Amino acid sequence: MIVKGMGAALLLSLCSSVWAESARIIEIMSPDFTEVQNIATQEWLLIGKISGLTLPLEAHSMPNSSRELVFATGGNEYRIARSDVVLEDESLVTRTCGKLTLSMSSDARSASVKGAGESC
């Protein structure tokens, strides 16, 4: 019985890490100035030059990097900086004075917010 419980816990932890690696891009912060890299050709181009690009986009994290996402459109895969996009169920902090900082013990990653903590 203990072996089954350990197996179930291992399976659950593997599944949760897979879920954490996938994302849905709902907005690109500055599409006129945001560059992406075609993974196959290593060519850099402005995201606005990709024909047929529509949001939202399914994406996943680059292996060994939490700073880049990969998405596919038009038969090509592209790499984009995580800081250039807004993900589904994510909100940007625009006013920090009325909010408390919250840390989740189940999330080992940390994040910083530009401008947070400045005078109100």
N, C-alpha and C. Protein backbone atom coordinates (compact mmCIF):
# COMPACT_ATOMS: atom_id res chain seq x y z
N MET A 1 0.82 -1.19 0.00
CA MET A 1 0.00 0.00 0.00
C MET A 1 0.87 1.26 0.00
N ILE A 2 1.98 1.21 0.73
CA ILE A 2 2.88 2.37 0.78
C ILE A 2 3.50 2.61 -0.58
N VAL A 3 3.84 1.53 -1.29
CA VAL A 3 4.44 1.66 -2.63
C VAL A 3 3.45 2.32 -3.58
N LYS A 4 2.18 1.94 -3.52
CA LYS A 4 1.17 2.55 -4.38
C LYS A 4 1.03 4.04 -4.07
N GLY A 5 1.05 4.38 -2.78
CA GLY A 5 0.95 5.79 -2.38
C GLY A 5 2.12 6.59 -2.88
N MET A 6 3.32 6.01 -2.77
CA MET A 6 4.51 6.71 -3.24
C MET A 6 4.47 6.86 -4.76
N GLY A 7 4.00 5.84 -5.45
CA GLY A 7 3.88 5.90 -6.91
C GLY A 7 2.90 6.97 -7.34
N ALA A 8 1.77 7.06 -6.63
CA ALA A 8 0.77 8.08 -6.95
C ALA A 8 1.33 9.47 -6.69
N ALA A 9 2.07 9.65 -5.60
CA ALA A 9 2.66 10.94 -5.29
C ALA A 9 3.68 11.35 -6.35
N LEU A 10 4.48 10.38 -6.80
CA LEU A 10 5.47 10.66 -7.84
C LEU A 10 4.78 11.05 -9.13
N LEU A 11 3.75 10.33 -9.52
CA LEU A 11 3.00 10.63 -10.74
C LEU A 11 2.37 12.01 -10.65
N LEU A 12 1.79 12.34 -9.50
CA LEU A 12 1.18 13.65 -9.32
C LEU A 12 2.22 14.77 -9.41
N SER A 13 3.39 14.56 -8.83
CA SER A 13 4.42 15.60 -8.90
C SER A 13 4.93 15.78 -10.32
N LEU A 14 5.05 14.70 -11.08
CA LEU A 14 5.48 14.81 -12.47
C LEU A 14 4.44 15.53 -13.30
N CYS A 15 3.17 15.22 -13.09
CA CYS A 15 2.11 15.88 -13.84
C CYS A 15 2.05 17.36 -13.52
N SER A 16 2.21 17.72 -12.24
CA SER A 16 2.13 19.13 -11.89
C SER A 16 3.28 19.91 -12.50
N SER A 17 4.47 19.30 -12.64
CA SER A 17 5.58 20.02 -13.26
C SER A 17 5.34 20.20 -14.75
N VAL A 18 4.66 19.25 -15.39
CA VAL A 18 4.32 19.40 -16.81
C VAL A 18 3.32 20.54 -16.98
N TRP A 19 2.31 20.58 -16.11
CA TRP A 19 1.33 21.65 -16.19
C TRP A 19 1.97 23.01 -15.98
N ALA A 20 2.93 23.09 -15.08
CA ALA A 20 3.57 24.36 -14.79
C ALA A 20 4.41 24.85 -15.96
N GLU A 21 4.86 23.97 -16.82
CA GLU A 21 5.72 24.34 -17.94
C GLU A 21 4.93 24.87 -19.13
N SER A 22 3.65 24.57 -19.22
CA SER A 22 2.87 25.05 -20.35
C SER A 22 2.15 26.34 -19.97
N ALA A 23 1.91 27.18 -20.96
CA ALA A 23 1.31 28.49 -20.71
C ALA A 23 0.48 28.90 -21.91
N ARG A 24 -0.29 29.95 -21.74
CA ARG A 24 -1.10 30.50 -22.81
C ARG A 24 -0.82 32.00 -22.87
N ILE A 25 -0.24 32.45 -23.97
CA ILE A 25 0.09 33.86 -24.15
C ILE A 25 -1.18 34.58 -24.61
N ILE A 26 -1.61 35.59 -23.84
CA ILE A 26 -2.82 36.33 -24.21
C ILE A 26 -2.52 37.75 -24.70
N GLU A 27 -1.31 38.24 -24.42
CA GLU A 27 -0.96 39.59 -24.86
C GLU A 27 0.55 39.69 -25.05
N ILE A 28 0.95 40.46 -26.05
CA ILE A 28 2.37 40.78 -26.26
C ILE A 28 2.51 42.26 -25.96
N MET A 29 3.37 42.57 -25.00
CA MET A 29 3.44 43.92 -24.43
C MET A 29 3.66 45.02 -25.48
N SER A 30 4.66 44.90 -26.31
CA SER A 30 4.97 45.91 -27.34
C SER A 30 5.24 45.20 -28.66
N PRO A 31 4.19 44.78 -29.36
CA PRO A 31 4.41 43.98 -30.57
C PRO A 31 5.20 44.69 -31.67
N ASP A 32 5.18 46.02 -31.70
CA ASP A 32 5.94 46.74 -32.72
C ASP A 32 7.45 46.68 -32.48
N PHE A 33 7.85 46.35 -31.26
CA PHE A 33 9.27 46.35 -30.91
C PHE A 33 9.77 45.00 -30.39
N THR A 34 8.91 44.01 -30.31
CA THR A 34 9.28 42.72 -29.74
C THR A 34 9.84 41.79 -30.81
N GLU A 35 11.03 41.27 -30.55
CA GLU A 35 11.66 40.33 -31.47
C GLU A 35 11.49 38.90 -30.97
N VAL A 36 11.35 37.99 -31.91
CA VAL A 36 11.32 36.56 -31.62
C VAL A 36 12.36 35.88 -32.49
N GLN A 37 12.75 34.69 -32.10
CA GLN A 37 13.75 33.95 -32.87
C GLN A 37 13.12 32.68 -33.42
N ASN A 38 13.24 32.50 -34.73
CA ASN A 38 12.82 31.25 -35.37
C ASN A 38 13.80 30.17 -34.92
N ILE A 39 13.30 29.14 -34.28
CA ILE A 39 14.19 28.12 -33.72
C ILE A 39 14.92 27.35 -34.81
N ALA A 40 14.26 27.06 -35.91
CA ALA A 40 14.89 26.26 -36.97
C ALA A 40 16.01 27.01 -37.69
N THR A 41 15.77 28.30 -38.00
CA THR A 41 16.74 29.07 -38.78
C THR A 41 17.62 29.99 -37.93
N GLN A 42 17.28 30.15 -36.65
CA GLN A 42 17.98 31.06 -35.73
C GLN A 42 17.83 32.52 -36.15
N GLU A 43 16.92 32.82 -37.07
CA GLU A 43 16.70 34.19 -37.55
C GLU A 43 15.85 34.97 -36.54
N TRP A 44 16.23 36.22 -36.28
CA TRP A 44 15.47 37.12 -35.42
C TRP A 44 14.57 37.99 -36.28
N LEU A 45 13.32 38.19 -35.85
CA LEU A 45 12.41 39.05 -36.58
C LEU A 45 11.41 39.67 -35.62
N LEU A 46 10.82 40.78 -36.05
CA LEU A 46 9.77 41.41 -35.25
C LEU A 46 8.54 40.52 -35.26
N ILE A 47 7.88 40.41 -34.12
CA ILE A 47 6.74 39.51 -34.03
C ILE A 47 5.60 39.93 -34.97
N GLY A 48 5.51 41.22 -35.26
CA GLY A 48 4.49 41.70 -36.18
C GLY A 48 4.67 41.23 -37.61
N LYS A 49 5.87 40.74 -37.95
CA LYS A 49 6.16 40.26 -39.31
C LYS A 49 5.73 38.81 -39.52
N ILE A 50 5.27 38.13 -38.47
CA ILE A 50 4.84 36.74 -38.61
C ILE A 50 3.40 36.72 -39.10
N SER A 51 3.19 36.19 -40.30
CA SER A 51 1.84 36.16 -40.87
C SER A 51 1.01 35.08 -40.18
N GLY A 52 -0.25 35.39 -39.97
CA GLY A 52 -1.17 34.43 -39.37
C GLY A 52 -1.08 34.32 -37.86
N LEU A 53 -0.37 35.20 -37.22
CA LEU A 53 -0.22 35.15 -35.77
C LEU A 53 -1.50 35.69 -35.10
N THR A 54 -2.14 34.87 -34.30
CA THR A 54 -3.33 35.30 -33.56
C THR A 54 -3.19 34.86 -32.11
N LEU A 55 -3.66 35.72 -31.23
CA LEU A 55 -3.66 35.42 -29.81
C LEU A 55 -5.01 34.85 -29.40
N PRO A 56 -5.07 34.00 -28.43
CA PRO A 56 -4.01 33.50 -27.57
C PRO A 56 -3.16 32.43 -28.25
N LEU A 57 -1.95 32.25 -27.73
CA LEU A 57 -1.01 31.26 -28.25
C LEU A 57 -0.64 30.27 -27.15
N GLU A 58 -0.66 29.00 -27.49
CA GLU A 58 -0.16 27.98 -26.56
C GLU A 58 1.36 28.04 -26.58
N ALA A 59 1.98 27.97 -25.43
CA ALA A 59 3.43 28.06 -25.34
C ALA A 59 3.94 27.13 -24.25
N HIS A 60 5.22 26.91 -24.24
CA HIS A 60 5.86 26.15 -23.17
C HIS A 60 7.25 26.74 -22.90
N SER A 61 7.76 26.46 -21.71
CA SER A 61 9.07 26.98 -21.33
C SER A 61 10.17 26.30 -22.13
N MET A 62 11.22 27.08 -22.39
CA MET A 62 12.41 26.50 -23.02
C MET A 62 13.05 25.54 -22.02
N PRO A 63 13.59 24.42 -22.48
CA PRO A 63 14.31 23.54 -21.57
C PRO A 63 15.45 24.29 -20.89
N ASN A 64 15.57 24.13 -19.59
CA ASN A 64 16.63 24.75 -18.79
C ASN A 64 16.59 26.27 -18.77
N SER A 65 15.44 26.88 -19.07
CA SER A 65 15.33 28.34 -19.02
C SER A 65 13.92 28.74 -18.64
N SER A 66 13.80 29.53 -17.60
CA SER A 66 12.49 30.05 -17.22
C SER A 66 12.27 31.45 -17.79
N ARG A 67 13.26 31.94 -18.55
CA ARG A 67 13.17 33.29 -19.10
C ARG A 67 12.70 33.33 -20.54
N GLU A 68 12.49 32.17 -21.16
CA GLU A 68 12.06 32.14 -22.55
C GLU A 68 10.91 31.15 -22.72
N LEU A 69 10.00 31.50 -23.63
CA LEU A 69 8.90 30.62 -23.99
C LEU A 69 9.01 30.26 -25.47
N VAL A 70 8.44 29.13 -25.83
CA VAL A 70 8.40 28.69 -27.22
C VAL A 70 6.94 28.56 -27.62
N PHE A 71 6.60 29.11 -28.79
CA PHE A 71 5.25 28.94 -29.33
C PHE A 71 5.36 28.57 -30.81
N ALA A 72 4.32 27.98 -31.33
CA ALA A 72 4.30 27.57 -32.74
C ALA A 72 3.16 28.27 -33.47
N THR A 73 3.46 28.73 -34.66
CA THR A 73 2.44 29.30 -35.53
C THR A 73 2.94 29.21 -36.97
N GLY A 74 2.04 28.97 -37.89
CA GLY A 74 2.41 28.90 -39.30
C GLY A 74 3.42 27.82 -39.63
N GLY A 75 3.45 26.75 -38.84
CA GLY A 75 4.38 25.65 -39.09
C GLY A 75 5.79 25.89 -38.58
N ASN A 76 6.03 26.98 -37.89
CA ASN A 76 7.35 27.30 -37.33
C ASN A 76 7.26 27.46 -35.82
N GLU A 77 8.38 27.18 -35.15
CA GLU A 77 8.46 27.42 -33.71
C GLU A 77 9.32 28.65 -33.48
N TYR A 78 8.88 29.48 -32.53
CA TYR A 78 9.58 30.71 -32.21
C TYR A 78 9.87 30.80 -30.73
N ARG A 79 10.96 31.46 -30.40
CA ARG A 79 11.38 31.71 -29.03
C ARG A 79 11.12 33.18 -28.71
N ILE A 80 10.51 33.44 -27.54
CA ILE A 80 10.22 34.81 -27.13
C ILE A 80 10.59 34.96 -25.65
N ALA A 81 11.03 36.14 -25.28
CA ALA A 81 11.38 36.41 -23.88
C ALA A 81 10.11 36.40 -23.03
N ARG A 82 10.19 35.77 -21.89
CA ARG A 82 9.04 35.68 -20.98
C ARG A 82 8.57 37.07 -20.55
N SER A 83 9.48 38.02 -20.44
CA SER A 83 9.14 39.37 -19.99
C SER A 83 8.35 40.17 -21.03
N ASP A 84 8.28 39.70 -22.27
CA ASP A 84 7.57 40.42 -23.33
C ASP A 84 6.10 40.04 -23.45
N VAL A 85 5.64 39.09 -22.65
CA VAL A 85 4.27 38.59 -22.81
C VAL A 85 3.50 38.62 -21.50
N VAL A 86 2.17 38.58 -21.64
CA VAL A 86 1.27 38.40 -20.50
C VAL A 86 0.62 37.04 -20.69
N LEU A 87 0.63 36.24 -19.64
CA LEU A 87 0.06 34.90 -19.70
C LEU A 87 -1.36 34.91 -19.15
N GLU A 88 -2.13 33.92 -19.56
CA GLU A 88 -3.48 33.76 -19.06
C GLU A 88 -3.46 33.62 -17.54
N ASP A 89 -4.45 34.18 -16.88
CA ASP A 89 -4.57 34.15 -15.42
C ASP A 89 -3.42 34.85 -14.72
N GLU A 90 -2.85 35.82 -15.38
CA GLU A 90 -1.75 36.60 -14.80
C GLU A 90 -2.17 38.06 -14.85
N SER A 91 -1.85 38.80 -13.83
CA SER A 91 -2.16 40.22 -13.87
C SER A 91 -0.90 41.01 -13.55
N LEU A 92 -0.77 42.14 -14.17
CA LEU A 92 0.38 43.00 -13.95
C LEU A 92 0.12 43.91 -12.76
N VAL A 93 1.13 44.12 -11.95
CA VAL A 93 1.00 45.01 -10.80
C VAL A 93 1.18 46.44 -11.31
N THR A 94 0.13 47.22 -11.19
CA THR A 94 0.21 48.61 -11.64
C THR A 94 0.18 49.57 -10.47
N ARG A 95 -0.34 49.14 -9.34
CA ARG A 95 -0.38 49.97 -8.15
C ARG A 95 -0.03 49.10 -6.95
N THR A 96 1.12 49.33 -6.38
CA THR A 96 1.60 48.44 -5.33
C THR A 96 1.33 48.94 -3.92
N CYS A 97 0.97 50.18 -3.75
CA CYS A 97 0.84 50.75 -2.41
C CYS A 97 -0.29 50.11 -1.60
N GLY A 98 -1.34 49.70 -2.23
CA GLY A 98 -2.48 49.14 -1.51
C GLY A 98 -2.44 47.63 -1.41
N LYS A 99 -1.34 47.00 -1.74
CA LYS A 99 -1.28 45.54 -1.77
C LYS A 99 -0.17 45.03 -0.87
N LEU A 100 -0.37 43.83 -0.34
CA LEU A 100 0.64 43.18 0.47
C LEU A 100 1.44 42.21 -0.39
N THR A 101 2.70 42.03 -0.04
CA THR A 101 3.52 41.04 -0.72
C THR A 101 3.13 39.67 -0.22
N LEU A 102 2.98 38.72 -1.11
CA LEU A 102 2.56 37.38 -0.75
C LEU A 102 3.55 36.38 -1.31
N SER A 103 3.94 35.45 -0.51
CA SER A 103 4.86 34.40 -0.95
C SER A 103 4.18 33.05 -0.75
N MET A 104 4.18 32.23 -1.80
CA MET A 104 3.55 30.91 -1.72
C MET A 104 4.63 29.88 -1.46
N SER A 105 4.45 29.09 -0.41
CA SER A 105 5.46 28.11 -0.06
C SER A 105 5.56 26.98 -1.07
N SER A 106 4.50 26.75 -1.85
CA SER A 106 4.53 25.66 -2.83
C SER A 106 5.22 26.06 -4.13
N ASP A 107 5.55 27.34 -4.28
CA ASP A 107 6.18 27.82 -5.51
C ASP A 107 7.63 28.19 -5.19
N ALA A 108 8.57 27.44 -5.74
CA ALA A 108 9.99 27.66 -5.45
C ALA A 108 10.57 28.81 -6.26
N ARG A 109 9.86 29.27 -7.28
CA ARG A 109 10.37 30.36 -8.11
C ARG A 109 10.11 31.70 -7.44
N SER A 110 10.89 32.69 -7.77
CA SER A 110 10.67 34.03 -7.23
C SER A 110 10.53 35.00 -8.40
N ALA A 111 9.93 36.13 -8.12
CA ALA A 111 9.74 37.13 -9.16
C ALA A 111 10.01 38.51 -8.59
N SER A 112 10.41 39.42 -9.45
CA SER A 112 10.58 40.80 -9.01
C SER A 112 9.70 41.68 -9.86
N VAL A 113 9.30 42.79 -9.31
CA VAL A 113 8.43 43.72 -10.00
C VAL A 113 9.16 45.05 -10.12
N LYS A 114 9.33 45.52 -11.33
CA LYS A 114 9.99 46.81 -11.52
C LYS A 114 9.11 47.91 -10.95
N GLY A 115 9.70 48.74 -10.14
CA GLY A 115 8.97 49.86 -9.58
C GLY A 115 8.26 49.55 -8.29
N ALA A 116 8.16 48.29 -7.91
CA ALA A 116 7.46 47.94 -6.67
C ALA A 116 8.25 48.48 -5.48
N GLY A 117 7.54 49.03 -4.52
CA GLY A 117 8.19 49.54 -3.33
C GLY A 117 8.60 51.01 -3.45
N GLU A 118 8.37 51.61 -4.60
CA GLU A 118 8.69 53.03 -4.73
C GLU A 118 7.66 53.84 -3.97
N SER A 119 7.94 55.11 -3.77
CA SER A 119 7.03 55.95 -2.99
C SER A 119 5.67 56.03 -3.64
N CYS A 120 4.64 56.11 -2.81
CA CYS A 120 3.25 56.12 -3.31
C CYS A 120 2.78 57.54 -3.59
